[in-house]
Amino acid sequence: MPTPTDINKELQKRIDQYISKTLKDIKVEAADEFDANFNRQAFFNEKLAIDEKKLCY
Protein backbone atom coordinates (compact mmCIF):
# COMPACT_ATOMS: atom_id res chain seq x y z
CA MET A 1 0.00 0.00 0.00
CA PRO A 2 1.41 3.44 -0.94
CA THR A 3 2.31 5.72 1.90
CA PRO A 4 0.73 9.18 2.24
CA THR A 5 4.09 10.68 1.28
CA ASP A 6 4.15 8.68 -1.97
CA ILE A 7 0.60 9.75 -2.74
CA ASN A 8 1.44 13.40 -2.08
CA LYS A 9 4.51 13.20 -4.32
CA GLU A 10 2.46 11.65 -7.13
CA LEU A 11 -0.29 14.24 -6.72
CA GLN A 12 2.26 17.07 -6.76
CA LYS A 13 3.87 15.59 -9.88
CA ARG A 14 0.50 15.50 -11.67
CA ILE A 15 -0.33 19.05 -10.58
CA ASP A 16 3.04 20.28 -11.82
CA GLN A 17 2.52 18.52 -15.17
CA TYR A 18 -0.97 20.01 -15.51
CA ILE A 19 0.28 23.52 -14.77
CA SER A 20 3.20 23.10 -17.16
CA LYS A 21 0.97 21.89 -20.00
CA THR A 22 -1.57 24.64 -19.35
CA LEU A 23 1.09 27.35 -19.41
CA LYS A 24 2.54 25.90 -22.62
CA ASP A 25 -0.92 25.99 -24.25
CA ILE A 26 -1.40 29.61 -23.15
CA LYS A 27 2.03 30.53 -24.52
CA VAL A 28 1.24 28.96 -27.90
CA GLU A 29 -2.17 30.66 -28.11
CA ALA A 30 -0.73 34.03 -27.11
CA ALA A 31 2.05 33.75 -29.68
CA ASP A 32 -0.47 32.83 -32.38
CA GLU A 33 -2.66 35.79 -31.47
CA PHE A 34 0.35 38.11 -31.40
CA ASP A 35 1.34 36.97 -34.90
CA ALA A 36 -2.25 37.36 -36.11
CA ASN A 37 -2.24 40.98 -34.90
CA PHE A 38 0.55 41.76 -37.34
CA ASN A 39 -1.38 40.12 -40.17
CA ARG A 40 -4.41 42.26 -39.25
CA GLN A 41 -2.12 45.28 -38.82
CA ALA A 42 -3.61 45.74 -35.38
CA PHE A 43 -0.53 47.34 -33.85
CA PHE A 44 0.53 50.96 -33.97
CA ASN A 45 -1.51 51.95 -36.99
CA GLU A 46 -4.07 54.05 -35.12
CA LYS A 47 -4.05 56.08 -31.98
CA LEU A 48 -5.80 54.32 -29.13
CA ALA A 49 -9.14 55.96 -28.38
CA ILE A 50 -9.36 56.48 -24.62
CA ASP A 51 -12.44 57.80 -22.92
CA GLU A 52 -10.89 59.83 -20.11
CA LYS A 53 -14.25 60.04 -18.32
CA LYS A 54 -14.16 56.28 -17.74
CA LEU A 55 -10.61 56.14 -16.40
CA CYS A 56 -10.23 55.48 -12.70
CA TYR A 57 -7.16 56.65 -10.87
C-alpha atoms as a PDB file:
ATOM      1  CA  MET A   1       0.000   0.000   0.000  1.00  0.00           C
ATOM      2  CA  PRO A   2       1.407   3.436  -0.945  1.00  0.00           C
ATOM      3  CA  THR A   3       2.308   5.719   1.896  1.00  0.00           C
ATOM      4  CA  PRO A   4       0.732   9.179   2.236  1.00  0.00           C
ATOM      5  CA  THR A   5       4.091  10.678   1.280  1.00  0.00           C
ATOM      6  CA  ASP A   6       4.149   8.676  -1.968  1.00  0.00           C
ATOM      7  CA  ILE A   7       0.597   9.746  -2.742  1.00  0.00           C
ATOM      8  CA  ASN A   8       1.444  13.400  -2.077  1.00  0.00           C
ATOM      9  CA  LYS A   9       4.507  13.199  -4.323  1.00  0.00           C
ATOM     10  CA  GLU A  10       2.459  11.646  -7.134  1.00  0.00           C
ATOM     11  CA  LEU A  11      -0.290  14.239  -6.723  1.00  0.00           C
ATOM     12  CA  GLN A  12       2.255  17.074  -6.758  1.00  0.00           C
ATOM     13  CA  LYS A  13       3.866  15.590  -9.876  1.00  0.00           C
ATOM     14  CA  ARG A  14       0.499  15.497 -11.669  1.00  0.00           C
ATOM     15  CA  ILE A  15      -0.333  19.048 -10.580  1.00  0.00           C
ATOM     16  CA  ASP A  16       3.043  20.282 -11.822  1.00  0.00           C
ATOM     17  CA  GLN A  17       2.520  18.524 -15.171  1.00  0.00           C
ATOM     18  CA  TYR A  18      -0.968  20.006 -15.505  1.00  0.00           C
ATOM     19  CA  ILE A  19       0.280  23.516 -14.772  1.00  0.00           C
ATOM     20  CA  SER A  20       3.200  23.103 -17.163  1.00  0.00           C
ATOM     21  CA  LYS A  21       0.974  21.889 -19.998  1.00  0.00           C
ATOM     22  CA  THR A  22      -1.571  24.641 -19.347  1.00  0.00           C
ATOM     23  CA  LEU A  23       1.091  27.355 -19.413  1.00  0.00           C
ATOM     24  CA  LYS A  24       2.542  25.898 -22.620  1.00  0.00           C
ATOM     25  CA  ASP A  25      -0.916  25.991 -24.253  1.00  0.00           C
ATOM     26  CA  ILE A  26      -1.396  29.608 -23.148  1.00  0.00           C
ATOM     27  CA  LYS A  27       2.034  30.528 -24.521  1.00  0.00           C
ATOM     28  CA  VAL A  28       1.242  28.963 -27.898  1.00  0.00           C
ATOM     29  CA  GLU A  29      -2.166  30.658 -28.113  1.00  0.00           C
ATOM     30  CA  ALA A  30      -0.729  34.033 -27.106  1.00  0.00           C
ATOM     31  CA  ALA A  31       2.049  33.753 -29.682  1.00  0.00           C
ATOM     32  CA  ASP A  32      -0.470  32.831 -32.383  1.00  0.00           C
ATOM     33  CA  GLU A  33      -2.661  35.791 -31.474  1.00  0.00           C
ATOM     34  CA  PHE A  34       0.347  38.110 -31.403  1.00  0.00           C
ATOM     35  CA  ASP A  35       1.335  36.968 -34.900  1.00  0.00           C
ATOM     36  CA  ALA A  36      -2.246  37.360 -36.112  1.00  0.00           C
ATOM     37  CA  ASN A  37      -2.242  40.979 -34.897  1.00  0.00           C
ATOM     38  CA  PHE A  38       0.547  41.764 -37.341  1.00  0.00           C
ATOM     39  CA  ASN A  39      -1.377  40.123 -40.168  1.00  0.00           C
ATOM     40  CA  ARG A  40      -4.406  42.263 -39.250  1.00  0.00           C
ATOM     41  CA  GLN A  41      -2.118  45.279 -38.820  1.00  0.00           C
ATOM     42  CA  ALA A  42      -3.615  45.743 -35.385  1.00  0.00           C
ATOM     43  CA  PHE A  43      -0.534  47.336 -33.845  1.00  0.00           C
ATOM     44  CA  PHE A  44       0.534  50.962 -33.970  1.00  0.00           C
ATOM     45  CA  ASN A  45      -1.509  51.948 -36.992  1.00  0.00           C
ATOM     46  CA  GLU A  46      -4.073  54.049 -35.118  1.00  0.00           C
ATOM     47  CA  LYS A  47      -4.050  56.085 -31.978  1.00  0.00           C
ATOM     48  CA  LEU A  48      -5.804  54.315 -29.127  1.00  0.00           C
ATOM     49  CA  ALA A  49      -9.137  55.964 -28.378  1.00  0.00           C
ATOM     50  CA  ILE A  50      -9.363  56.481 -24.623  1.00  0.00           C
ATOM     51  CA  ASP A  51     -12.444  57.798 -22.920  1.00  0.00           C
ATOM     52  CA  GLU A  52     -10.894  59.833 -20.110  1.00  0.00           C
ATOM     53  CA  LYS A  53     -14.247  60.043 -18.323  1.00  0.00           C
ATOM     54  CA  LYS A  54     -14.162  56.282 -17.737  1.00  0.00           C
ATOM     55  CA  LEU A  55     -10.613  56.142 -16.397  1.00  0.00           C
ATOM     56  CA  CYS A  56     -10.233  55.476 -12.702  1.00  0.00           C
ATOM     57  CA  TYR A  57      -7.156  56.651 -10.867  1.00  0.00           C
END
